[in-house]
């Protein structure tokens, strides 16, 4: 039994490549990259490299919001409404407060 550091569906960064884990086999982990290619990483390599699991962040930054100008309050209201349906999800203000 492994400690399940990564799971199918996780969005991860493996070195300089980022993608979604599609399958974890006995020998390799298959990742669909942002460029839509399939990357096979030997599990021995996965065990020895740093893997950043961005899909399990405690919050997801939304850098595009600053492009919306005055529309930010409306987007924030919609985001709060959508996020309220998801356990553990929260929207942080510009000052890091809920």
PDB file of N, CA and C in Angstrom:
ATOM      1  N   UNK A   1       0.824  -1.194   0.000  1.00  0.00           N
ATOM      2  CA  UNK A   1       0.000   0.000   0.000  1.00  0.00           C
ATOM      3  C   UNK A   1       0.862   1.249   0.000  1.00  0.00           C
ATOM      4  N   UNK A   2       0.596   2.144  -0.939  1.00  0.00           N
ATOM      5  CA  UNK A   2       1.342   3.387  -0.991  1.00  0.00           C
ATOM      6  C   UNK A   2       0.667   4.469  -0.178  1.00  0.00           C
ATOM      7  N   UNK A   3       1.344   5.597  -0.092  1.00  0.00           N
ATOM      8  CA  UNK A   3       0.774   6.697   0.684  1.00  0.00           C
ATOM      9  C   UNK A   3      -0.062   7.648  -0.173  1.00  0.00           C
ATOM     10  N   UNK A   4      -0.281   7.299  -1.438  1.00  0.00           N
ATOM     11  CA  UNK A   4      -1.119   8.074  -2.351  1.00  0.00           C
ATOM     12  C   UNK A   4      -0.785   9.564  -2.355  1.00  0.00           C
ATOM     13  N   UNK A   5       0.459   9.865  -2.671  1.00  0.00           N
ATOM     14  CA  UNK A   5       0.874  11.267  -2.751  1.00  0.00           C
ATOM     15  C   UNK A   5       0.119  11.965  -3.876  1.00  0.00           C
ATOM     16  N   UNK A   6      -0.002  11.305  -5.011  1.00  0.00           N
ATOM     17  CA  UNK A   6      -0.783  11.856  -6.114  1.00  0.00           C
ATOM     18  C   UNK A   6      -1.914  10.891  -6.443  1.00  0.00           C
ATOM     19  N   UNK A   7      -2.992  11.440  -7.008  1.00  0.00           N
ATOM     20  CA  UNK A   7      -4.155  10.641  -7.373  1.00  0.00           C
ATOM     21  C   UNK A   7      -4.583  10.988  -8.787  1.00  0.00           C
ATOM     22  N   UNK A   8      -5.303  10.077  -9.416  1.00  0.00           N
ATOM     23  CA  UNK A   8      -5.864  10.345 -10.736  1.00  0.00           C
ATOM     24  C   UNK A   8      -6.754  11.584 -10.628  1.00  0.00           C
ATOM     25  N   UNK A   9      -6.587  12.502 -11.571  1.00  0.00           N
ATOM     26  CA  UNK A   9      -7.353  13.739 -11.574  1.00  0.00           C
ATOM     27  C   UNK A   9      -6.598  14.924 -11.009  1.00  0.00           C
ATOM     28  N   UNK A  10      -5.502  14.668 -10.275  1.00  0.00           N
ATOM     29  CA  UNK A  10      -4.704  15.763  -9.726  1.00  0.00           C
ATOM     30  C   UNK A  10      -4.020  16.535 -10.853  1.00  0.00           C
ATOM     31  N   UNK A  11      -3.968  17.850 -10.713  1.00  0.00           N
ATOM     32  CA  UNK A  11      -3.185  18.691 -11.615  1.00  0.00           C
ATOM     33  C   UNK A  11      -1.847  18.902 -10.927  1.00  0.00           C
ATOM     34  N   UNK A  12      -0.779  18.454 -11.586  1.00  0.00           N
ATOM     35  CA  UNK A  12       0.544  18.449 -10.962  1.00  0.00           C
ATOM     36  C   UNK A  12       1.594  19.052 -11.882  1.00  0.00           C
ATOM     37  N   UNK A  13       2.664  19.504 -11.234  1.00  0.00           N
ATOM     38  CA  UNK A  13       3.844  19.958 -11.959  1.00  0.00           C
ATOM     39  C   UNK A  13       4.958  18.972 -11.644  1.00  0.00           C
ATOM     40  N   UNK A  14       5.455  18.313 -12.684  1.00  0.00           N
ATOM     41  CA  UNK A  14       6.561  17.357 -12.581  1.00  0.00           C
ATOM     42  C   UNK A  14       7.762  18.011 -13.241  1.00  0.00           C
ATOM     43  N   UNK A  15       8.675  18.552 -12.457  1.00  0.00           N
ATOM     44  CA  UNK A  15       9.802  19.283 -13.042  1.00  0.00           C
ATOM     45  C   UNK A  15       9.284  20.511 -13.773  1.00  0.00           C
ATOM     46  N   UNK A  16       9.545  20.587 -15.093  1.00  0.00           N
ATOM     47  CA  UNK A  16       9.083  21.735 -15.879  1.00  0.00           C
ATOM     48  C   UNK A  16       7.809  21.438 -16.668  1.00  0.00           C
ATOM     49  N   UNK A  17       7.186  20.280 -16.436  1.00  0.00           N
ATOM     50  CA  UNK A  17       5.966  19.893 -17.154  1.00  0.00           C
ATOM     51  C   UNK A  17       4.773  19.890 -16.214  1.00  0.00           C
ATOM     52  N   UNK A  18       3.645  20.380 -16.693  1.00  0.00           N
ATOM     53  CA  UNK A  18       2.420  20.427 -15.905  1.00  0.00           C
ATOM     54  C   UNK A  18       1.323  19.677 -16.645  1.00  0.00           C
ATOM     55  N   UNK A  19       0.502  18.962 -15.899  1.00  0.00           N
ATOM     56  CA  UNK A  19      -0.605  18.259 -16.522  1.00  0.00           C
ATOM     57  C   UNK A  19      -1.492  17.585 -15.500  1.00  0.00           C
ATOM     58  N   UNK A  20      -2.494  16.876 -16.005  1.00  0.00           N
ATOM     59  CA  UNK A  20      -3.466  16.171 -15.172  1.00  0.00           C
ATOM     60  C   UNK A  20      -3.143  14.686 -15.173  1.00  0.00           C
ATOM     61  N   UNK A  21      -3.067  14.096 -13.991  1.00  0.00           N
ATOM     62  CA  UNK A  21      -2.778  12.665 -13.861  1.00  0.00           C
ATOM     63  C   UNK A  21      -3.972  11.877 -14.394  1.00  0.00           C
ATOM     64  N   UNK A  22      -3.729  11.046 -15.403  1.00  0.00           N
ATOM     65  CA  UNK A  22      -4.794  10.238 -15.993  1.00  0.00           C
ATOM     66  C   UNK A  22      -4.786   8.803 -15.492  1.00  0.00           C
ATOM     67  N   UNK A  23      -3.599   8.282 -15.193  1.00  0.00           N
ATOM     68  CA  UNK A  23      -3.521   6.887 -14.761  1.00  0.00           C
ATOM     69  C   UNK A  23      -2.238   6.684 -13.959  1.00  0.00           C
ATOM     70  N   UNK A  24      -2.341   5.860 -12.922  1.00  0.00           N
ATOM     71  CA  UNK A  24      -1.167   5.477 -12.139  1.00  0.00           C
ATOM     72  C   UNK A  24      -1.065   3.972 -12.218  1.00  0.00           C
ATOM     73  N   UNK A  25      -0.087   3.500 -12.979  1.00  0.00           N
ATOM     74  CA  UNK A  25       0.109   2.065 -13.167  1.00  0.00           C
ATOM     75  C   UNK A  25       1.206   1.532 -12.270  1.00  0.00           C
ATOM     76  N   UNK A  26       1.519   0.263 -12.441  1.00  0.00           N
ATOM     77  CA  UNK A  26       2.580  -0.359 -11.649  1.00  0.00           C
ATOM     78  C   UNK A  26       3.953   0.192 -12.003  1.00  0.00           C
ATOM     79  N   UNK A  27       4.159   0.531 -13.269  1.00  0.00           N
ATOM     80  CA  UNK A  27       5.467   0.993 -13.720  1.00  0.00           C
ATOM     81  C   UNK A  27       5.568   2.490 -13.956  1.00  0.00           C
ATOM     82  N   UNK A  28       4.446   3.104 -14.379  1.00  0.00           N
ATOM     83  CA  UNK A  28       4.523   4.525 -14.728  1.00  0.00           C
ATOM     84  C   UNK A  28       3.224   5.253 -14.394  1.00  0.00           C
ATOM     85  N   UNK A  29       3.346   6.570 -14.367  1.00  0.00           N
ATOM     86  CA  UNK A  29       2.208   7.463 -14.173  1.00  0.00           C
ATOM     87  C   UNK A  29       2.017   8.226 -15.469  1.00  0.00           C
ATOM     88  N   UNK A  30       0.789   8.223 -15.986  1.00  0.00           N
ATOM     89  CA  UNK A  30       0.507   8.922 -17.241  1.00  0.00           C
ATOM     90  C   UNK A  30      -0.163  10.251 -16.940  1.00  0.00           C
ATOM     91  N   UNK A  31       0.387  11.288 -17.584  1.00  0.00           N
ATOM     92  CA  UNK A  31      -0.052  12.661 -17.345  1.00  0.00           C
ATOM     93  C   UNK A  31      -0.403  13.305 -18.683  1.00  0.00           C
ATOM     94  N   UNK A  32      -1.584  13.931 -18.753  1.00  0.00           N
ATOM     95  CA  UNK A  32      -1.988  14.697 -19.939  1.00  0.00           C
ATOM     96  C   UNK A  32      -1.496  16.114 -19.732  1.00  0.00           C
ATOM     97  N   UNK A  33      -0.582  16.569 -20.579  1.00  0.00           N
ATOM     98  CA  UNK A  33       0.021  17.895 -20.404  1.00  0.00           C
ATOM     99  C   UNK A  33      -0.929  19.000 -20.866  1.00  0.00           C
ATOM    100  N   UNK A  34      -0.563  20.228 -20.554  1.00  0.00           N
ATOM    101  CA  UNK A  34      -1.345  21.386 -20.985  1.00  0.00           C
ATOM    102  C   UNK A  34      -1.399  21.476 -22.513  1.00  0.00           C
ATOM    103  N   UNK A  35      -0.396  20.908 -23.179  1.00  0.00           N
ATOM    104  CA  UNK A  35      -0.350  20.909 -24.644  1.00  0.00           C
ATOM    105  C   UNK A  35      -1.132  19.736 -25.229  1.00  0.00           C
ATOM    106  N   UNK A  36      -1.802  18.956 -24.360  1.00  0.00           N
ATOM    107  CA  UNK A  36      -2.645  17.804 -24.708  1.00  0.00           C
ATOM    108  C   UNK A  36      -1.856  16.574 -25.156  1.00  0.00           C
ATOM    109  N   UNK A  37      -0.567  16.519 -24.850  1.00  0.00           N
ATOM    110  CA  UNK A  37       0.207  15.318 -25.129  1.00  0.00           C
ATOM    111  C   UNK A  37       0.178  14.413 -23.904  1.00  0.00           C
ATOM    112  N   UNK A  38       0.418  13.133 -24.114  1.00  0.00           N
ATOM    113  CA  UNK A  38       0.439  12.174 -23.020  1.00  0.00           C
ATOM    114  C   UNK A  38       1.880  11.918 -22.617  1.00  0.00           C
ATOM    115  N   UNK A  39       2.166  12.147 -21.364  1.00  0.00           N
ATOM    116  CA  UNK A  39       3.511  11.999 -20.822  1.00  0.00           C
ATOM    117  C   UNK A  39       3.517  10.801 -19.877  1.00  0.00           C
ATOM    118  N   UNK A  40       4.419   9.856 -20.107  1.00  0.00           N
ATOM    119  CA  UNK A  40       4.565   8.702 -19.224  1.00  0.00           C
ATOM    120  C   UNK A  40       5.818   8.910 -18.380  1.00  0.00           C
ATOM    121  N   UNK A  41       5.638   8.937 -17.060  1.00  0.00           N
ATOM    122  CA  UNK A  41       6.761   9.151 -16.152  1.00  0.00           C
ATOM    123  C   UNK A  41       6.952   7.883 -15.337  1.00  0.00           C
ATOM    124  N   UNK A  42       8.139   7.269 -15.390  1.00  0.00           N
ATOM    125  CA  UNK A  42       8.377   6.070 -14.580  1.00  0.00           C
ATOM    126  C   UNK A  42       8.130   6.370 -13.098  1.00  0.00           C
ATOM    127  N   UNK A  43       7.479   5.444 -12.400  1.00  0.00           N
ATOM    128  CA  UNK A  43       7.162   5.671 -10.989  1.00  0.00           C
ATOM    129  C   UNK A  43       8.410   5.844 -10.132  1.00  0.00           C
ATOM    130  N   UNK A  44       9.521   5.245 -10.535  1.00  0.00           N
ATOM    131  CA  UNK A  44      10.778   5.463  -9.819  1.00  0.00           C
ATOM    132  C   UNK A  44      11.192   6.921  -9.879  1.00  0.00           C
ATOM    133  N   UNK A  45      10.950   7.559 -11.024  1.00  0.00           N
ATOM    134  CA  UNK A  45      11.244   8.980 -11.173  1.00  0.00           C
ATOM    135  C   UNK A  45      10.272   9.811 -10.352  1.00  0.00           C
ATOM    136  N   UNK A  46       8.987   9.462 -10.408  1.00  0.00           N
ATOM    137  CA  UNK A  46       7.975  10.196  -9.632  1.00  0.00           C
ATOM    138  C   UNK A  46       8.327  10.180  -8.149  1.00  0.00           C
ATOM    139  N   UNK A  47       8.860   9.056  -7.686  1.00  0.00           N
ATOM    140  CA  UNK A  47       9.191   8.912  -6.264  1.00  0.00           C
ATOM    141  C   UNK A  47      10.396   9.747  -5.845  1.00  0.00           C
ATOM    142  N   UNK A  48      11.216  10.176  -6.801  1.00  0.00           N
ATOM    143  CA  UNK A  48      12.446  10.882  -6.439  1.00  0.00           C
ATOM    144  C   UNK A  48      12.454  12.366  -6.800  1.00  0.00           C
ATOM    145  N   UNK A  49      11.424  12.839  -7.528  1.00  0.00           N
ATOM    146  CA  UNK A  49      11.395  14.253  -7.902  1.00  0.00           C
ATOM    147  C   UNK A  49      10.359  14.995  -7.061  1.00  0.00           C
ATOM    148  N   UNK A  50      10.512  16.310  -7.015  1.00  0.00           N
ATOM    149  CA  UNK A  50       9.505  17.130  -6.350  1.00  0.00           C
ATOM    150  C   UNK A  50       8.290  17.242  -7.262  1.00  0.00           C
ATOM    151  N   UNK A  51       7.126  16.952  -6.698  1.00  0.00           N
ATOM    152  CA  UNK A  51       5.873  17.053  -7.435  1.00  0.00           C
ATOM    153  C   UNK A  51       5.014  18.097  -6.744  1.00  0.00           C
ATOM    154  N   UNK A  52       4.621  19.122  -7.495  1.00  0.00           N
ATOM    155  CA  UNK A  52       3.740  20.161  -6.966  1.00  0.00           C
ATOM    156  C   UNK A  52       2.317  19.827  -7.398  1.00  0.00           C
ATOM    157  N   UNK A  53       1.428  19.645  -6.422  1.00  0.00           N
ATOM    158  CA  UNK A  53       0.040  19.275  -6.703  1.00  0.00           C
ATOM    159  C   UNK A  53      -0.812  20.538  -6.579  1.00  0.00           C
ATOM    160  N   UNK A  54      -0.976  21.233  -7.685  1.00  0.00           N
ATOM    161  CA  UNK A  54      -1.670  22.523  -7.634  1.00  0.00           C
ATOM    162  C   UNK A  54      -3.167  22.381  -7.442  1.00  0.00           C
ATOM    163  N   UNK A  55      -3.746  21.247  -7.803  1.00  0.00           N
ATOM    164  CA  UNK A  55      -5.195  21.089  -7.646  1.00  0.00           C
ATOM    165  C   UNK A  55      -5.608  20.916  -6.191  1.00  0.00           C
ATOM    166  N   UNK A  56      -4.641  20.733  -5.284  1.00  0.00           N
ATOM    167  CA  UNK A  56      -4.969  20.592  -3.868  1.00  0.00           C
ATOM    168  C   UNK A  56      -4.489  21.784  -3.039  1.00  0.00           C
ATOM    169  N   UNK A  57      -4.326  22.927  -3.676  1.00  0.00           N
ATOM    170  CA  UNK A  57      -3.988  24.140  -2.933  1.00  0.00           C
ATOM    171  C   UNK A  57      -5.124  24.476  -1.989  1.00  0.00           C
ATOM    172  N   UNK A  58      -4.816  25.191  -0.911  1.00  0.00           N
ATOM    173  CA  UNK A  58      -5.887  25.586   0.002  1.00  0.00           C
ATOM    174  C   UNK A  58      -6.710  26.732  -0.579  1.00  0.00           C
ATOM    175  N   UNK A  59      -6.209  27.386  -1.618  1.00  0.00           N
ATOM    176  CA  UNK A  59      -6.996  28.327  -2.408  1.00  0.00           C
ATOM    177  C   UNK A  59      -6.365  28.437  -3.781  1.00  0.00           C
ATOM    178  N   UNK A  60      -7.161  28.825  -4.775  1.00  0.00           N
ATOM    179  CA  UNK A  60      -6.670  28.986  -6.135  1.00  0.00           C
ATOM    180  C   UNK A  60      -6.636  30.475  -6.469  1.00  0.00           C
ATOM    181  N   UNK A  61      -5.452  31.040  -6.712  1.00  0.00           N
ATOM    182  CA  UNK A  61      -5.392  32.450  -7.085  1.00  0.00           C
ATOM    183  C   UNK A  61      -6.059  32.668  -8.447  1.00  0.00           C
ATOM    184  N   UNK A  62      -6.716  33.802  -8.597  1.00  0.00           N
ATOM    185  CA  UNK A  62      -7.398  34.136  -9.848  1.00  0.00           C
ATOM    186  C   UNK A  62      -6.806  35.430 -10.405  1.00  0.00           C
ATOM    187  N   UNK A  63      -5.622  35.365 -11.028  1.00  0.00           N
ATOM    188  CA  UNK A  63      -4.931  36.578 -11.466  1.00  0.00           C
ATOM    189  C   UNK A  63      -5.674  37.361 -12.538  1.00  0.00           C
ATOM    190  N   UNK A  64      -6.594  36.730 -13.268  1.00  0.00           N
ATOM    191  CA  UNK A  64      -7.294  37.436 -14.322  1.00  0.00           C
ATOM    192  C   UNK A  64      -8.271  38.480 -13.781  1.00  0.00           C
ATOM    193  N   UNK A  65      -8.607  38.418 -12.498  1.00  0.00           N
ATOM    194  CA  UNK A  65      -9.581  39.350 -11.930  1.00  0.00           C
ATOM    195  C   UNK A  65      -9.149  40.808 -12.051  1.00  0.00           C
ATOM    196  N   UNK A  66      -7.852  41.077 -11.966  1.00  0.00           N
ATOM    197  CA  UNK A  66      -7.411  42.472 -12.053  1.00  0.00           C
ATOM    198  C   UNK A  66      -7.661  43.060 -13.437  1.00  0.00           C
ATOM    199  N   UNK A  67      -7.851  42.223 -14.427  1.00  0.00           N
ATOM    200  CA  UNK A  67      -8.150  42.708 -15.773  1.00  0.00           C
ATOM    201  C   UNK A  67      -9.596  43.174 -15.911  1.00  0.00           C
ATOM    202  N   UNK A  68     -10.449  42.811 -14.954  1.00  0.00           N
ATOM    203  CA  UNK A  68     -11.872  43.116 -15.062  1.00  0.00           C
ATOM    204  C   UNK A  68     -12.257  44.488 -14.543  1.00  0.00           C
ATOM    205  N   UNK A  69     -11.347  45.167 -13.849  1.00  0.00           N
ATOM    206  CA  UNK A  69     -11.632  46.511 -13.350  1.00  0.00           C
ATOM    207  C   UNK A  69     -12.837  46.548 -12.434  1.00  0.00           C
ATOM    208  N   UNK A  70     -13.830  47.355 -12.790  1.00  0.00           N
ATOM    209  CA  UNK A  70     -15.018  47.535 -11.959  1.00  0.00           C
ATOM    210  C   UNK A  70     -15.894  46.290 -11.893  1.00  0.00           C
ATOM    211  N   UNK A  71     -15.656  45.320 -12.744  1.00  0.00           N
ATOM    212  CA  UNK A  71     -16.455  44.091 -12.734  1.00  0.00           C
ATOM    213  C   UNK A  71     -16.062  43.126 -11.638  1.00  0.00           C
ATOM    214  N   UNK A  72     -14.991  43.428 -10.903  1.00  0.00           N
ATOM    215  CA  UNK A  72     -14.502  42.514  -9.873  1.00  0.00           C
ATOM    216  C   UNK A  72     -15.549  42.219  -8.801  1.00  0.00           C
ATOM    217  N   UNK A  73     -16.256  43.213  -8.249  1.00  0.00           N
ATOM    218  CA  UNK A  73     -17.254  42.872  -7.215  1.00  0.00           C
ATOM    219  C   UNK A  73     -18.308  41.892  -7.718  1.00  0.00           C
ATOM    220  N   UNK A  74     -18.757  42.045  -8.956  1.00  0.00           N
ATOM    221  CA  UNK A  74     -19.768  41.129  -9.514  1.00  0.00           C
ATOM    222  C   UNK A  74     -19.182  39.730  -9.664  1.00  0.00           C
ATOM    223  N   UNK A  75     -17.950  39.626 -10.170  1.00  0.00           N
ATOM    224  CA  UNK A  75     -17.297  38.324 -10.305  1.00  0.00           C
ATOM    225  C   UNK A  75     -17.111  37.691  -8.937  1.00  0.00           C
ATOM    226  N   UNK A  76     -16.745  38.484  -7.941  1.00  0.00           N
ATOM    227  CA  UNK A  76     -16.574  37.963  -6.586  1.00  0.00           C
ATOM    228  C   UNK A  76     -17.890  37.409  -6.049  1.00  0.00           C
ATOM    229  N   UNK A  77     -19.001  38.125  -6.298  1.00  0.00           N
ATOM    230  CA  UNK A  77     -20.302  37.636  -5.843  1.00  0.00           C
ATOM    231  C   UNK A  77     -20.662  36.311  -6.506  1.00  0.00           C
ATOM    232  N   UNK A  78     -20.443  36.226  -7.811  1.00  0.00           N
ATOM    233  CA  UNK A  78     -20.736  34.978  -8.531  1.00  0.00           C
ATOM    234  C   UNK A  78     -19.835  33.856  -8.023  1.00  0.00           C
ATOM    235  N   UNK A  79     -18.555  34.166  -7.819  1.00  0.00           N
ATOM    236  CA  UNK A  79     -17.605  33.153  -7.335  1.00  0.00           C
ATOM    237  C   UNK A  79     -18.009  32.646  -5.960  1.00  0.00           C
ATOM    238  N   UNK A  80     -18.400  33.550  -5.066  1.00  0.00           N
ATOM    239  CA  UNK A  80     -18.850  33.126  -3.734  1.00  0.00           C
ATOM    240  C   UNK A  80     -20.041  32.197  -3.836  1.00  0.00           C
ATOM    241  N   UNK A  81     -20.959  32.519  -4.718  1.00  0.00           N
ATOM    242  CA  UNK A  81     -22.149  31.702  -4.904  1.00  0.00           C
ATOM    243  C   UNK A  81     -21.774  30.299  -5.386  1.00  0.00           C
ATOM    244  N   UNK A  82     -20.884  30.226  -6.363  1.00  0.00           N
ATOM    245  CA  UNK A  82     -20.457  28.930  -6.896  1.00  0.00           C
ATOM    246  C   UNK A  82     -19.661  28.152  -5.846  1.00  0.00           C
ATOM    247  N   UNK A  83     -18.732  28.829  -5.171  1.00  0.00           N
ATOM    248  CA  UNK A  83     -17.873  28.170  -4.205  1.00  0.00           C
ATOM    249  C   UNK A  83     -18.620  27.715  -2.957  1.00  0.00           C
ATOM    250  N   UNK A  84     -19.734  28.354  -2.644  1.00  0.00           N
ATOM    251  CA  UNK A  84     -20.481  27.976  -1.442  1.00  0.00           C
ATOM    252  C   UNK A  84     -21.002  26.548  -1.524  1.00  0.00           C
ATOM    253  N   UNK A  85     -21.087  26.006  -2.738  1.00  0.00           N
ATOM    254  CA  UNK A  85     -21.547  24.631  -2.923  1.00  0.00           C
ATOM    255  C   UNK A  85     -20.436  23.600  -2.724  1.00  0.00           C
ATOM    256  N   UNK A  86     -19.205  24.056  -2.513  1.00  0.00           N
ATOM    257  CA  UNK A  86     -18.059  23.155  -2.407  1.00  0.00           C
ATOM    258  C   UNK A  86     -17.446  23.233  -1.016  1.00  0.00           C
ATOM    259  N   UNK A  87     -17.457  22.108  -0.309  1.00  0.00           N
ATOM    260  CA  UNK A  87     -16.912  22.041   1.039  1.00  0.00           C
ATOM    261  C   UNK A  87     -15.448  22.450   1.046  1.00  0.00           C
ATOM    262  N   UNK A  88     -15.092  23.332   1.953  1.00  0.00           N
ATOM    263  CA  UNK A  88     -13.700  23.745   2.119  1.00  0.00           C
ATOM    264  C   UNK A  88     -13.249  24.831   1.169  1.00  0.00           C
ATOM    265  N   UNK A  89     -14.094  25.226   0.219  1.00  0.00           N
ATOM    266  CA  UNK A  89     -13.714  26.269  -0.741  1.00  0.00           C
ATOM    267  C   UNK A  89     -13.982  27.635  -0.121  1.00  0.00           C
ATOM    268  N   UNK A  90     -13.114  28.590  -0.439  1.00  0.00           N
ATOM    269  CA  UNK A  90     -13.320  29.940   0.062  1.00  0.00           C
ATOM    270  C   UNK A  90     -12.715  30.931  -0.909  1.00  0.00           C
ATOM    271  N   UNK A  91     -13.230  32.119  -0.880  1.00  0.00           N
ATOM    272  CA  UNK A  91     -12.752  33.192  -1.738  1.00  0.00           C
ATOM    273  C   UNK A  91     -12.080  34.224  -0.862  1.00  0.00           C
ATOM    274  N   UNK A  92     -10.825  34.528  -1.147  1.00  0.00           N
ATOM    275  CA  UNK A  92     -10.081  35.501  -0.362  1.00  0.00           C
ATOM    276  C   UNK A  92     -10.169  36.870  -1.006  1.00  0.00           C
ATOM    277  N   UNK A  93     -10.260  37.903  -0.184  1.00  0.00           N
ATOM    278  CA  UNK A  93     -10.259  39.276  -0.690  1.00  0.00           C
ATOM    279  C   UNK A  93      -8.829  39.672  -1.023  1.00  0.00           C
ATOM    280  N   UNK A  94      -8.652  40.888  -1.485  1.00  0.00           N
ATOM    281  CA  UNK A  94      -7.302  41.383  -1.805  1.00  0.00           C
ATOM    282  C   UNK A  94      -6.408  41.395  -0.570  1.00  0.00           C
ATOM    283  N   UNK A  95      -6.992  41.422   0.619  1.00  0.00           N
ATOM    284  CA  UNK A  95      -6.214  41.507   1.845  1.00  0.00           C
ATOM    285  C   UNK A  95      -6.089  40.164   2.553  1.00  0.00           C
ATOM    286  N   UNK A  96      -6.474  39.068   1.854  1.00  0.00           N
ATOM    287  CA  UNK A  96      -6.313  37.734   2.411  1.00  0.00           C
ATOM    288  C   UNK A  96      -7.365  37.373   3.449  1.00  0.00           C
ATOM    289  N   UNK A  97      -8.467  38.096   3.482  1.00  0.00           N
ATOM    290  CA  UNK A  97      -9.541  37.797   4.421  1.00  0.00           C
ATOM    291  C   UNK A  97     -10.731  37.264   3.660  1.00  0.00           C
ATOM    292  N   UNK A  98     -11.548  36.450   4.344  1.00  0.00           N
ATOM    293  CA  UNK A  98     -12.753  35.909   3.709  1.00  0.00           C
ATOM    294  C   UNK A  98     -13.780  36.989   3.468  1.00  0.00           C
TER     295      UNK A  98
END
